[in-house]
Protein backbone atom coordinates (compact mmCIF):
# COMPACT_ATOMS: atom_id res chain seq x y z
CA MET A 1 -15.25 14.05 -4.81
CA ASP A 2 -12.48 15.56 -6.57
CA PRO A 3 -14.12 17.27 -10.04
CA ALA A 4 -10.70 16.20 -11.20
CA LEU A 5 -10.67 12.82 -11.20
CA PRO A 6 -11.86 10.50 -13.45
CA THR A 7 -15.46 9.14 -12.93
CA GLU A 8 -15.07 5.30 -15.19
CA PRO A 9 -14.73 2.61 -12.56
CA ALA A 10 -11.68 2.49 -11.08
CA THR A 11 -9.32 -0.75 -11.42
CA ILE A 12 -9.84 -1.84 -8.02
CA SER A 13 -12.78 -2.18 -5.36
CA PRO A 14 -13.81 1.01 -3.91
CA ALA A 15 -14.94 -1.04 -0.61
CA ALA A 16 -11.52 -2.61 -0.24
CA VAL A 17 -8.94 0.09 -0.07
CA THR A 18 -9.71 3.59 1.46
CA THR A 19 -7.60 6.74 1.95
CA ASP A 20 -7.71 9.22 4.28
CA ALA A 21 -9.78 12.47 2.48
CA ALA A 22 -6.77 14.84 3.53
CA SER A 23 -4.97 12.93 0.68
CA THR A 24 -7.39 12.28 -1.96
CA ALA A 25 -7.72 16.51 -1.72
CA GLY A 26 -4.15 16.76 -1.73
CA GLY A 27 -3.60 16.92 2.02
CA PRO A 28 -0.85 17.00 4.41
CA ALA A 29 0.99 13.32 4.15
CA GLY A 30 0.90 13.25 8.09
CA ALA A 31 -2.67 12.95 8.20
CA GLY A 32 -2.96 9.30 10.86
CA PRO A 33 -4.52 6.28 9.95
CA ALA A 34 -7.36 7.10 12.13
CA ALA A 35 -8.64 9.81 10.40
CA ALA A 36 -8.96 6.81 7.34
CA GLY A 37 -11.41 5.28 9.67
CA SER A 38 -13.25 8.94 9.63
CA ALA A 39 -16.56 9.48 7.83
CA ALA A 40 -14.02 11.86 5.86
CA ALA A 41 -12.51 8.12 4.21
CA VAL A 42 -12.78 8.05 0.62
CA PRO A 43 -12.21 4.94 -1.48
CA ALA A 44 -8.91 4.78 -3.06
CA ALA A 45 -10.14 3.26 -6.03
CA ALA A 46 -11.22 7.10 -6.90
CA ALA A 47 -7.43 8.30 -7.59
CA ALA A 48 -7.05 8.08 -11.18
CA PRO A 49 -5.64 5.23 -12.38
CA ALA A 50 -2.22 5.09 -13.77
CA ASP A 51 -1.69 6.00 -17.25
CA PRO A 52 -0.22 2.92 -19.67
CA ALA A 53 0.96 6.08 -21.75
CA ALA A 54 2.70 6.73 -19.19
CA PRO A 55 6.52 8.59 -19.23
CA ASN A 56 7.90 5.56 -18.31
CA GLY A 57 6.11 3.74 -20.52
CA THR A 58 5.04 1.23 -17.73
CA GLY A 59 1.70 2.41 -16.33
CA VAL A 60 3.48 2.15 -12.86
CA PRO A 61 3.97 5.99 -10.97
CA GLY A 62 7.38 7.23 -11.14
CA VAL A 63 8.72 6.93 -7.41
CA VAL A 64 5.99 4.23 -6.60
CA LEU A 65 8.10 1.98 -9.92
CA ALA A 66 11.85 3.08 -8.56
CA ALA A 67 10.10 1.43 -5.27
CA TYR A 68 9.74 -1.86 -7.02
CA ARG A 69 13.13 -1.76 -9.07
CA ASN A 70 14.75 -0.96 -5.85
CA ALA A 71 13.18 -3.95 -3.94
CA GLU A 72 14.04 -6.31 -7.03
CA HIS A 73 17.82 -5.37 -6.50
CA LEU A 74 17.95 -5.79 -3.05
CA MET A 75 16.54 -9.12 -3.28
CA ALA A 76 18.88 -9.60 -6.56
CA VAL A 77 21.86 -8.61 -3.56
CA GLN A 78 20.06 -10.17 -0.45
CA ALA A 79 18.56 -13.52 -1.45
CA PRO A 80 19.54 -13.85 -5.74
CA SER A 81 18.02 -17.62 -6.17
CA CYS A 82 14.64 -15.84 -4.98
CA ARG A 83 14.62 -13.97 -8.50
CA VAL A 84 11.71 -11.52 -7.53
CA PRO A 85 11.30 -9.66 -10.17
CA TRP A 86 9.72 -5.66 -10.29
CA THR A 87 6.94 -6.54 -12.65
CA LEU A 88 5.42 -8.92 -9.99
CA LEU A 89 5.82 -6.19 -7.47
CA ALA A 90 3.84 -4.41 -9.71
CA GLY A 91 1.27 -6.55 -10.27
CA ILE A 92 0.71 -7.30 -6.52
CA GLY A 93 0.85 -3.51 -6.06
CA ARG A 94 -1.73 -2.90 -8.86
CA VAL A 95 -4.00 -5.52 -7.47
CA GLU A 96 -3.74 -4.19 -4.07
CA SER A 97 -3.71 -0.36 -4.30
CA GLY A 98 -3.47 0.74 -7.19
CA HIS A 99 -0.10 1.30 -7.04
CA ALA A 100 -0.40 3.13 -3.91
CA ALA A 101 -3.77 4.67 -5.11
CA GLY A 102 -1.94 6.22 -8.34
CA GLY A 103 1.04 7.57 -7.29
CA ARG A 104 -0.46 9.47 -3.92
CA VAL A 105 3.09 9.13 -2.15
CA ASP A 106 6.27 11.55 -1.44
CA ALA A 107 9.37 11.13 -3.14
CA ALA A 108 10.60 9.25 -0.24
CA GLY A 109 7.44 6.87 -0.98
CA THR A 110 5.80 7.39 2.41
CA THR A 111 1.93 7.93 0.90
CA ARG A 112 0.08 10.71 1.39
CA GLY A 113 -2.23 9.38 4.04
CA PRO A 114 -3.25 5.59 4.78
CA ILE A 115 -4.23 2.96 2.29
CA LEU A 116 -6.09 0.61 4.41
CA GLY A 117 -8.64 -2.64 3.39
CA PRO A 118 -12.44 -3.16 4.75
CA ARG A 119 -12.43 -3.92 8.66
CA LEU A 120 -11.94 -7.03 8.92
CA ASP A 121 -14.84 -7.80 11.25
CA GLY A 122 -16.60 -11.10 10.15
CA SER A 123 -19.46 -9.67 8.47
CA PRO A 124 -20.65 -11.32 5.60
CA GLY A 125 -17.56 -12.35 3.12
CA MET A 126 -15.20 -10.70 5.03
CA ALA A 127 -12.51 -12.42 7.44
CA LEU A 128 -12.43 -12.17 10.93
CA ILE A 129 -9.33 -11.15 12.44
CA ARG A 130 -9.45 -9.15 15.71
CA ASP A 131 -7.02 -6.27 16.29
CA THR A 132 -3.31 -7.59 16.79
CA ASP A 133 -2.02 -3.81 16.97
CA GLY A 134 -3.69 -1.87 18.96
CA GLY A 135 -5.17 0.04 16.07
CA ALA A 136 -1.54 1.46 16.06
CA LEU A 137 -0.43 0.56 12.20
CA ASP A 138 -4.70 0.77 11.02
CA GLY A 139 -6.25 3.32 13.29
CA ASP A 140 -8.56 0.37 14.14
CA PRO A 141 -8.22 -0.99 18.07
CA THR A 142 -11.49 -3.72 17.71
CA TYR A 143 -10.41 -5.30 14.48
CA ASP A 144 -7.65 -5.62 11.80
CA ARG A 145 -7.25 -4.01 8.42
CA ALA A 146 -4.41 -4.97 5.62
CA VAL A 147 -2.30 -1.09 5.41
CA GLY A 148 -0.29 -0.19 2.54
CA PRO A 149 -0.16 0.40 -0.82
CA MET A 150 0.88 -4.04 -0.49
CA GLN A 151 -1.71 -4.69 2.07
CA PHE A 152 -0.36 -6.10 4.53
CA ILE A 153 -2.32 -7.21 7.92
CA PRO A 154 -0.78 -5.65 11.19
CA SER A 155 0.55 -8.75 12.92
CA THR A 156 2.27 -9.74 9.33
CA TRP A 157 4.10 -6.05 9.00
CA ARG A 158 5.23 -7.03 12.39
CA VAL A 159 7.34 -10.10 11.89
CA TYR A 160 8.10 -9.42 8.55
CA ALA A 161 8.26 -5.81 7.92
CA LEU A 162 11.94 -4.33 6.65
CA ASP A 163 13.07 -1.22 5.20
CA GLY A 164 13.34 -0.56 2.12
CA ASN A 165 14.34 2.92 1.69
CA GLY A 166 17.37 2.82 4.53
CA ASP A 167 15.78 5.73 6.71
CA GLY A 168 15.71 3.67 9.20
CA ILE A 169 11.88 2.79 9.74
CA ALA A 170 10.16 -0.27 8.24
CA SER A 171 6.14 1.44 7.53
CA PRO A 172 3.55 -0.28 5.57
CA HIS A 173 2.61 2.98 4.43
CA ASN A 174 6.06 3.45 2.18
CA VAL A 175 5.88 1.81 -0.89
CA TYR A 176 9.92 1.48 -0.40
CA ASP A 177 9.38 -0.35 2.49
CA ALA A 178 5.91 -2.45 1.90
CA ALA A 179 7.29 -3.56 -1.77
CA LEU A 180 10.91 -5.09 -0.34
CA THR A 181 8.48 -6.62 2.60
CA ALA A 182 6.62 -8.23 -0.32
CA GLY A 183 9.64 -9.62 -1.94
CA ARG A 184 10.96 -11.29 0.92
CA PHE A 185 7.81 -12.46 2.32
CA PRO A 186 7.30 -15.35 0.33
CA LEU A 187 11.05 -16.32 1.48
CA ARG A 188 10.02 -16.80 5.49
CA GLY A 189 9.97 -20.61 6.04
CA ARG A 190 13.02 -20.96 3.55
CA ARG A 191 16.58 -20.67 5.03
């Protein structure tokens, strides 16, 4: 564990979400999902929790806050009757990943290593969801794991994914894309 990180209990369950060791140690942002399932994976909860006294006053790391606000704006333009506030998205992001493991994202909003939920292998207290993506998003070719800062199941991401930052790629590991997808997801059955 990084000695610079706090030792007090985190806001999310250590067993629920992991990042790869390179991201926790400040390693390269390109570390792939396969690394996260290795013995080097560490709990995302070990990341420093967002400071409520942060300069932006929200307790949400800067780039992550920008992504939530961007999703609110895009939702207001694309689906004005839905009225998804950034605070709702922030609540989801905090519960699901501690705001992308305490803001461990690059300037474009891509997580510095994958954020993965537990293997959904049907073990006690765990749902059983067999692999739906060949391990492409979660690095696990046998069972699914929720992925990214908003914790989407790969099959759900494949159907509802949106590009929130306009780079032409919808990635569950990008907080802009994940926040917009989370904002639009409740509308999936509405026309």
